[in-house]
């Protein structure tokens, strides 16, 4: 007879085979059908390994990214238990941007703020749920990084168990380290962002990040408690599947070029896919192709999505994955999302991002409109 899995050395091949249901845990994994699974778990690069290699000896940046992945793991655990722990529903308050706050919004915000502050390498935090920036005054508990984050994007979907996520962007402060930083250290164009990413809490928990050299995708293995490397993420070169993603409920207020493009998509056999969680919609667009649109309109002159913790990180990821990320016609010109200059920490901008094939069609319609006028 073989010893129960509980007596096997933690993370040993035998213990892992037993955890995966092998009848004889001490038998060679290949013999019981778990060779491929076990090999992937043992050979795959962990996010921790990747961060250490990508930060090129920058210990403080490695500490920050460790805090980010820890926040994502704790959020994933809270979301998984939401139904059984009475965490669905509203918290009867509104956040800094006027949205109704869910119970999980408050929990996720607490998790992210605490993880970032406890990392010891942040000097300023901006959260969608906080009206003012959080400045870390203690010189012994702060570092060089300013972090902006949406702790739980798409939380309006949480009660019906639809995928949600966390989004973040990281700046390195410009002001001297001898004093607490100011909001000017983070009110900068997205071209100054050094790391961006998002974590999607769905059928699996996935973390997608960029350090400015491509986009990497990791999946959380709940049995190991580790994010394991899945793949480099590149948008399909030909634009991929013909998918457009937008909230057509706002179409009465859209600019003419957006309306024309969406109607053309319907005529050209495009499929409509819209979840209502930016993380989910952008994640699908990166993997399958197509376009995600949340434009400015007559009601929301600057659009609805926030620049620092939604526009910038998703634009940086999209561009690094080979796509385009534009504002469309905004403040009198067509420009990149990453070049928008935020006026305050919760400033907004229009979003048109995805495959070059599709984004360029919208921009051409805006250019034709400009010429005609």
Protein backbone atom coordinates (compact mmCIF):
# COMPACT_ATOMS: atom_id res chain seq x y z
CA UNK A 1 0.00 0.00 0.00
CA UNK A 2 1.04 3.58 -0.50
CA UNK A 3 1.03 6.38 2.11
CA UNK A 4 -1.86 8.87 1.93
CA UNK A 5 -1.14 12.10 0.05
CA UNK A 6 -1.20 14.01 3.35
CA UNK A 7 2.03 12.27 4.43
CA UNK A 8 3.87 12.95 1.19
CA UNK A 9 6.38 15.77 0.97
CA UNK A 10 4.62 18.99 -0.08
CA UNK A 11 4.95 19.73 -3.82
CA UNK A 12 6.80 16.46 -4.46
CA UNK A 13 5.85 14.69 -7.71
CA UNK A 14 4.09 11.99 -5.70
CA UNK A 15 2.09 14.51 -3.67
CA UNK A 16 1.10 16.43 -6.78
CA UNK A 17 0.04 13.24 -8.54
CA UNK A 18 -2.03 12.30 -5.49
CA UNK A 19 -3.62 15.76 -5.37
CA UNK A 20 -4.61 15.32 -9.00
CA UNK A 21 -6.34 12.02 -8.21
CA UNK A 22 -3.73 9.38 -9.05
CA UNK A 23 -4.77 6.04 -7.56
CA UNK A 24 -1.13 5.10 -6.90
CA UNK A 25 0.72 8.34 -6.08
CA UNK A 26 4.14 6.72 -5.98
CA UNK A 27 3.77 5.31 -9.48
CA UNK A 28 5.54 7.24 -12.26
CA UNK A 29 3.21 10.13 -13.26
CA UNK A 30 3.33 9.12 -16.92
CA UNK A 31 2.00 5.69 -16.00
CA UNK A 32 -1.13 7.13 -14.42
CA UNK A 33 -1.79 9.74 -17.10
CA UNK A 34 -0.51 12.87 -15.37
CA UNK A 35 2.87 13.24 -17.05
CA UNK A 36 1.88 16.22 -19.21
CA UNK A 37 0.14 18.09 -16.39
CA UNK A 38 2.99 17.47 -13.96
CA UNK A 39 5.64 18.43 -16.50
CA UNK A 40 3.91 21.72 -17.24
CA UNK A 41 3.62 22.57 -13.55
CA UNK A 42 7.28 21.82 -12.93
CA UNK A 43 8.70 23.36 -16.11
CA UNK A 44 6.56 26.50 -16.45
CA UNK A 45 8.13 29.79 -15.42
CA UNK A 46 6.47 31.35 -12.41
CA UNK A 47 5.55 35.02 -12.34
CA UNK A 48 8.07 35.52 -9.53
CA UNK A 49 10.86 34.14 -11.71
CA UNK A 50 9.75 36.28 -14.63
CA UNK A 51 9.65 39.43 -12.52
CA UNK A 52 13.14 38.85 -11.13
CA UNK A 53 14.48 38.41 -14.66
CA UNK A 54 12.50 41.33 -16.13
CA UNK A 55 13.40 43.86 -13.45
CA UNK A 56 17.12 43.48 -14.21
CA UNK A 57 18.30 43.71 -10.63
CA UNK A 58 15.80 46.42 -9.61
CA UNK A 59 14.93 44.98 -6.22
CA UNK A 60 12.32 47.63 -5.48
CA UNK A 61 10.42 46.98 -8.71
CA UNK A 62 10.54 43.24 -7.99
CA UNK A 63 9.06 43.92 -4.53
CA UNK A 64 6.31 46.03 -6.08
CA UNK A 65 5.35 43.33 -8.58
CA UNK A 66 5.34 40.75 -5.80
CA UNK A 67 2.86 42.97 -3.95
CA UNK A 68 0.74 43.26 -7.11
CA UNK A 69 0.50 39.51 -7.58
CA UNK A 70 -0.29 39.06 -3.89
CA UNK A 71 -3.16 41.58 -4.17
CA UNK A 72 -4.50 39.69 -7.19
CA UNK A 73 -4.41 36.36 -5.34
CA UNK A 74 -6.24 37.75 -2.31
CA UNK A 75 -8.87 39.41 -4.54
CA UNK A 76 -9.37 36.17 -6.48
CA UNK A 77 -9.97 34.33 -3.22
CA UNK A 78 -12.49 36.93 -1.99
CA UNK A 79 -14.41 36.85 -5.29
CA UNK A 80 -14.51 33.05 -5.29
CA UNK A 81 -16.15 33.11 -1.84
CA UNK A 82 -18.46 36.07 -2.48
CA UNK A 83 -21.67 34.06 -2.70
CA UNK A 84 -21.08 31.96 0.40
CA UNK A 85 -19.82 34.89 2.49
CA UNK A 86 -22.66 37.34 1.74
CA UNK A 87 -20.40 39.66 -0.29
CA UNK A 88 -22.82 40.30 -3.14
CA UNK A 89 -24.77 43.55 -3.34
CA UNK A 90 -24.29 47.26 -2.80
CA UNK A 91 -22.47 48.89 0.09
CA UNK A 92 -24.84 51.92 0.02
CA UNK A 93 -22.10 54.40 -0.87
CA UNK A 94 -20.68 55.96 -4.05
CA UNK A 95 -17.05 56.14 -5.11
CA UNK A 96 -14.98 59.14 -6.22
CA UNK A 97 -16.37 59.01 -9.76
CA UNK A 98 -20.04 58.72 -8.76
CA UNK A 99 -20.48 54.97 -9.30
CA UNK A 100 -22.47 52.85 -6.86
CA UNK A 101 -20.05 50.83 -4.74
CA UNK A 102 -20.42 47.09 -4.20
CA UNK A 103 -19.25 45.30 -1.07
CA UNK A 104 -16.49 43.66 -3.08
CA UNK A 105 -15.35 47.07 -4.37
CA UNK A 106 -14.54 48.06 -0.80
CA UNK A 107 -12.83 44.76 -0.04
CA UNK A 108 -10.76 44.84 -3.25
CA UNK A 109 -9.77 48.45 -2.61
CA UNK A 110 -8.63 47.63 0.93
CA UNK A 111 -6.61 44.69 -0.38
CA UNK A 112 -4.84 46.75 -3.06
CA UNK A 113 -4.16 49.75 -0.83
CA UNK A 114 -2.77 47.58 1.99
CA UNK A 115 -0.62 45.46 -0.35
CA UNK A 116 0.85 48.52 -2.06
CA UNK A 117 1.53 50.37 1.19
CA UNK A 118 3.04 47.31 2.88
CA UNK A 119 5.40 46.74 -0.04
CA UNK A 120 7.50 49.66 1.22
CA UNK A 121 8.30 50.82 -2.31
CA UNK A 122 5.32 53.07 -3.15
CA UNK A 123 5.11 56.81 -2.56
CA UNK A 124 1.67 57.60 -4.00
CA UNK A 125 -1.46 55.56 -4.74
CA UNK A 126 -4.47 56.44 -6.88
CA UNK A 127 -7.55 54.23 -6.66
CA UNK A 128 -10.88 54.51 -8.41
CA UNK A 129 -12.46 54.11 -4.98
CA UNK A 130 -10.51 56.94 -3.30
CA UNK A 131 -11.45 60.55 -3.98
CA UNK A 132 -7.96 61.85 -3.18
CA UNK A 133 -4.53 60.34 -3.86
CA UNK A 134 -2.93 58.45 -0.99
CA UNK A 135 0.48 60.00 -0.26
CA UNK A 136 2.86 57.94 1.88
CA UNK A 137 4.60 60.41 4.18
CA UNK A 138 6.83 58.07 6.21
CA UNK A 139 10.27 58.08 4.57
CA UNK A 140 10.97 54.59 5.96
CA UNK A 141 7.85 53.12 4.35
CA UNK A 142 7.92 54.71 0.93
CA UNK A 143 9.80 54.12 -2.30
CA UNK A 144 10.04 55.43 -5.85
CA UNK A 145 6.77 54.21 -7.37
CA UNK A 146 3.39 55.79 -8.00
CA UNK A 147 0.66 53.22 -8.65
CA UNK A 148 -2.80 53.86 -10.11
CA UNK A 149 -5.35 51.05 -9.99
CA UNK A 150 -8.96 50.09 -10.44
CA UNK A 151 -9.22 47.42 -7.75
CA UNK A 152 -12.33 45.79 -9.20
CA UNK A 153 -13.23 46.73 -12.75
CA UNK A 154 -16.67 45.66 -13.94
CA UNK A 155 -18.01 45.13 -10.43
CA UNK A 156 -21.56 45.87 -11.62
CA UNK A 157 -21.38 42.33 -13.06
CA UNK A 158 -20.18 40.63 -9.89
CA UNK A 159 -23.61 39.67 -8.56
CA UNK A 160 -24.36 37.61 -11.68
CA UNK A 161 -20.97 35.89 -11.61
CA UNK A 162 -19.58 37.51 -14.77
CA UNK A 163 -15.81 37.97 -15.11
CA UNK A 164 -14.33 41.06 -13.46
CA UNK A 165 -10.76 42.24 -12.96
CA UNK A 166 -8.16 44.59 -11.52
CA UNK A 167 -6.19 47.07 -13.66
CA UNK A 168 -3.01 48.94 -12.73
CA UNK A 169 -0.28 51.22 -14.05
CA UNK A 170 3.06 52.12 -12.47
CA UNK A 171 5.13 55.31 -12.69
CA UNK A 172 8.54 56.06 -11.27
CA UNK A 173 8.44 59.36 -9.36
CA UNK A 174 10.34 62.33 -10.77
CA UNK A 175 10.57 64.49 -7.67
CA UNK A 176 13.36 64.07 -5.15
CA UNK A 177 13.11 61.19 -2.69
CA UNK A 178 13.85 63.38 0.34
CA UNK A 179 10.25 64.68 0.46
CA UNK A 180 6.81 63.08 0.04
CA UNK A 181 5.77 63.09 -3.59
CA UNK A 182 2.93 65.14 -5.01
CA UNK A 183 0.12 64.41 -7.44
CA UNK A 184 2.29 65.86 -10.23
CA UNK A 185 4.38 62.70 -10.00
CA UNK A 186 1.48 60.71 -11.45
CA UNK A 187 -0.38 63.28 -13.59
CA UNK A 188 1.83 62.46 -16.57
CA UNK A 189 1.24 60.99 -20.03
CA UNK A 190 0.94 57.25 -20.39
CA UNK A 191 4.21 57.19 -22.29
CA UNK A 192 5.88 57.51 -18.86
CA UNK A 193 4.27 54.32 -17.48
CA UNK A 194 6.93 51.69 -16.76
CA UNK A 195 4.66 48.69 -15.99
CA UNK A 196 1.01 48.05 -16.78
CA UNK A 197 -1.24 45.09 -16.32
CA UNK A 198 -4.57 43.61 -15.44
CA UNK A 199 -5.81 40.54 -13.61
CA UNK A 200 -9.00 38.84 -14.80
CA UNK A 201 -11.06 36.84 -12.33
CA UNK A 202 -13.09 34.43 -14.40
CA UNK A 203 -13.19 30.69 -15.05
CA UNK A 204 -9.47 31.02 -14.36
CA UNK A 205 -7.53 33.86 -12.77
CA UNK A 206 -5.14 35.34 -15.33
CA UNK A 207 -2.60 38.14 -14.97
CA UNK A 208 -1.45 39.98 -18.10
CA UNK A 209 1.48 42.39 -17.77
CA UNK A 210 3.92 44.43 -19.81
CA UNK A 211 7.21 46.00 -18.83
CA UNK A 212 7.33 47.76 -22.20
CA UNK A 213 8.81 44.81 -24.11
CA UNK A 214 5.90 42.69 -25.24
CA UNK A 215 2.99 41.30 -23.23
CA UNK A 216 3.08 38.20 -21.05
CA UNK A 217 0.14 36.11 -19.84
CA UNK A 218 0.12 34.11 -16.60
CA UNK A 219 -2.55 31.87 -15.06
CA UNK A 220 -3.00 31.21 -11.35
CA UNK A 221 -2.65 27.56 -10.38
CA UNK A 222 -4.81 27.45 -7.23
CA UNK A 223 -3.21 24.22 -6.02
CA UNK A 224 0.26 25.79 -6.05
CA UNK A 225 -0.75 29.37 -5.29
CA UNK A 226 1.52 30.51 -8.12
CA UNK A 227 0.97 32.36 -11.37
CA UNK A 228 2.47 30.21 -14.14
CA UNK A 229 3.53 31.49 -17.56
CA UNK A 230 1.01 30.73 -20.30
CA UNK A 231 2.27 32.59 -23.36
CA UNK A 232 3.48 35.81 -24.89
CA UNK A 233 0.43 37.71 -26.09
CA UNK A 234 0.33 39.13 -29.62
CA UNK A 235 -2.75 40.27 -31.47
CA UNK A 236 -3.40 38.42 -34.73
CA UNK A 237 -1.44 40.15 -37.48
CA UNK A 238 -4.38 40.11 -39.88
CA UNK A 239 -6.71 41.63 -37.27
CA UNK A 240 -8.08 38.27 -36.18
CA UNK A 241 -11.76 37.52 -35.82
CA UNK A 242 -14.26 40.10 -36.99
CA UNK A 243 -15.61 41.22 -33.62
CA UNK A 244 -16.76 44.63 -32.46
CA UNK A 245 -17.36 45.31 -28.78
CA UNK A 246 -19.31 48.34 -27.55
CA UNK A 247 -22.37 49.38 -25.59
CA UNK A 248 -24.87 50.13 -28.36
CA UNK A 249 -27.28 51.45 -25.76
CA UNK A 250 -25.34 54.74 -26.06
CA UNK A 251 -25.49 54.86 -29.85
CA UNK A 252 -27.98 57.75 -29.99
CA UNK A 253 -25.29 59.99 -28.52
CA UNK A 254 -22.29 58.81 -30.58
CA UNK A 255 -20.31 60.76 -33.15
CA UNK A 256 -21.20 60.01 -36.77
CA UNK A 257 -17.92 58.12 -37.51
CA UNK A 258 -18.54 55.67 -34.65
CA UNK A 259 -22.10 55.07 -35.84
CA UNK A 260 -20.91 54.57 -39.43
CA UNK A 261 -18.25 52.09 -38.36
CA UNK A 262 -20.64 50.00 -36.25
CA UNK A 263 -23.20 49.89 -39.06
CA UNK A 264 -20.45 48.86 -41.50
CA UNK A 265 -19.42 46.07 -39.10
CA UNK A 266 -22.96 44.68 -39.18
CA UNK A 267 -22.97 44.79 -42.99
CA UNK A 268 -19.55 43.12 -43.19
CA UNK A 269 -20.42 40.10 -41.05
CA UNK A 270 -18.80 41.17 -37.78
CA UNK A 271 -20.01 39.61 -34.54
CA UNK A 272 -21.06 41.77 -31.58
CA UNK A 273 -19.53 40.77 -28.26
CA UNK A 274 -19.87 42.96 -25.16
CA UNK A 275 -19.45 41.82 -21.56
CA UNK A 276 -19.46 45.20 -19.84
CA UNK A 277 -16.24 44.52 -17.91
CA UNK A 278 -13.37 46.31 -19.63
CA UNK A 279 -10.91 43.64 -18.53
CA UNK A 280 -12.99 40.87 -20.11
CA UNK A 281 -13.69 42.74 -23.34
CA UNK A 282 -10.07 43.83 -23.84
CA UNK A 283 -8.74 40.37 -22.91
CA UNK A 284 -10.90 38.78 -25.61
CA UNK A 285 -9.88 41.45 -28.11
CA UNK A 286 -6.18 40.80 -27.46
CA UNK A 287 -6.55 37.06 -27.91
CA UNK A 288 -9.12 36.87 -30.71
CA UNK A 289 -8.77 40.20 -32.52
CA UNK A 290 -11.34 42.83 -33.42
CA UNK A 291 -11.99 46.11 -31.64
CA UNK A 292 -13.20 47.47 -28.29
CA UNK A 293 -14.91 50.88 -28.31
CA UNK A 294 -16.02 53.15 -25.49
CA UNK A 295 -16.14 56.54 -27.22
CA UNK A 296 -16.94 60.04 -26.07
CA UNK A 297 -20.53 61.07 -26.81
CA UNK A 298 -22.96 63.92 -26.37
CA UNK A 299 -23.63 62.94 -22.75
CA UNK A 300 -20.04 62.18 -21.75
CA UNK A 301 -17.80 64.59 -23.63
CA UNK A 302 -14.65 62.83 -22.39
CA UNK A 303 -16.02 59.30 -22.44
CA UNK A 304 -16.63 57.19 -19.34
CA UNK A 305 -13.37 55.33 -18.74
CA UNK A 306 -10.65 56.79 -16.55
CA UNK A 307 -7.26 57.68 -17.96
CA UNK A 308 -4.78 56.68 -15.25
CA UNK A 309 -6.08 53.26 -14.26
CA UNK A 310 -8.11 52.14 -17.29
CA UNK A 311 -7.05 54.01 -20.43
CA UNK A 312 -3.27 54.05 -19.96
CA UNK A 313 -2.67 50.46 -18.81
CA UNK A 314 -4.97 48.92 -21.42
CA UNK A 315 -3.55 51.14 -24.17
CA UNK A 316 0.02 50.22 -23.26
CA UNK A 317 -0.83 46.52 -23.24
CA UNK A 318 -2.71 46.78 -26.55
CA UNK A 319 0.15 48.60 -28.29
CA UNK A 320 2.75 46.22 -26.87
CA UNK A 321 0.65 43.33 -28.19
CA UNK A 322 0.73 44.83 -31.69
CA UNK A 323 -2.59 46.67 -31.69
CA UNK A 324 -3.63 50.34 -31.79
CA UNK A 325 -5.11 52.43 -29.00
CA UNK A 326 -6.62 55.78 -29.97
CA UNK A 327 -8.97 58.38 -28.52
CA UNK A 328 -10.56 59.07 -31.89
CA UNK A 329 -11.42 62.76 -32.27
CA UNK A 330 -10.80 64.18 -28.80
CA UNK A 331 -10.19 67.78 -27.77
CA UNK A 332 -9.97 68.79 -31.42
CA UNK A 333 -7.52 66.17 -32.65
CA UNK A 334 -7.00 62.45 -33.22
CA UNK A 335 -4.38 61.03 -30.88
CA UNK A 336 -2.98 58.08 -28.95
CA UNK A 337 -4.49 57.29 -25.58
CA UNK A 338 -0.97 57.16 -24.11
CA UNK A 339 -0.40 60.80 -25.08
CA UNK A 340 -3.49 62.18 -23.29
CA UNK A 341 -2.53 64.59 -20.48
CA UNK A 342 -4.78 64.02 -17.45
CA UNK A 343 -6.03 67.11 -15.64
CA UNK A 344 -6.86 65.30 -12.41
CA UNK A 345 -6.48 61.78 -11.02
CA UNK A 346 -9.96 60.63 -12.09
CA UNK A 347 -9.90 62.26 -15.53
CA UNK A 348 -11.49 60.37 -18.42
CA UNK A 349 -10.82 59.77 -22.10
CA UNK A 350 -12.49 58.00 -25.06
CA UNK A 351 -11.31 54.48 -25.85
CA UNK A 352 -10.89 52.94 -29.32
CA UNK A 353 -8.49 50.01 -29.14
CA UNK A 354 -7.82 46.72 -30.82
CA UNK A 355 -6.56 45.44 -34.15
CA UNK A 356 -4.95 47.98 -36.48
CA UNK A 357 -7.28 46.77 -39.23
CA UNK A 358 -10.34 48.04 -37.35
CA UNK A 359 -8.99 51.06 -35.46
CA UNK A 360 -7.70 52.57 -38.68
CA UNK A 361 -11.15 52.33 -40.23
CA UNK A 362 -12.62 54.52 -37.50
CA UNK A 363 -9.76 57.01 -37.68
CA UNK A 364 -10.20 57.26 -41.46
CA UNK A 365 -13.89 58.08 -40.94
CA UNK A 366 -12.93 60.85 -38.51
CA UNK A 367 -10.39 62.22 -40.99
CA UNK A 368 -12.99 62.21 -43.79
CA UNK A 369 -15.41 64.06 -41.52
CA UNK A 370 -12.77 66.67 -40.76
CA UNK A 371 -12.00 67.19 -44.44
CA UNK A 372 -15.69 67.48 -45.30
CA UNK A 373 -16.23 70.19 -42.71
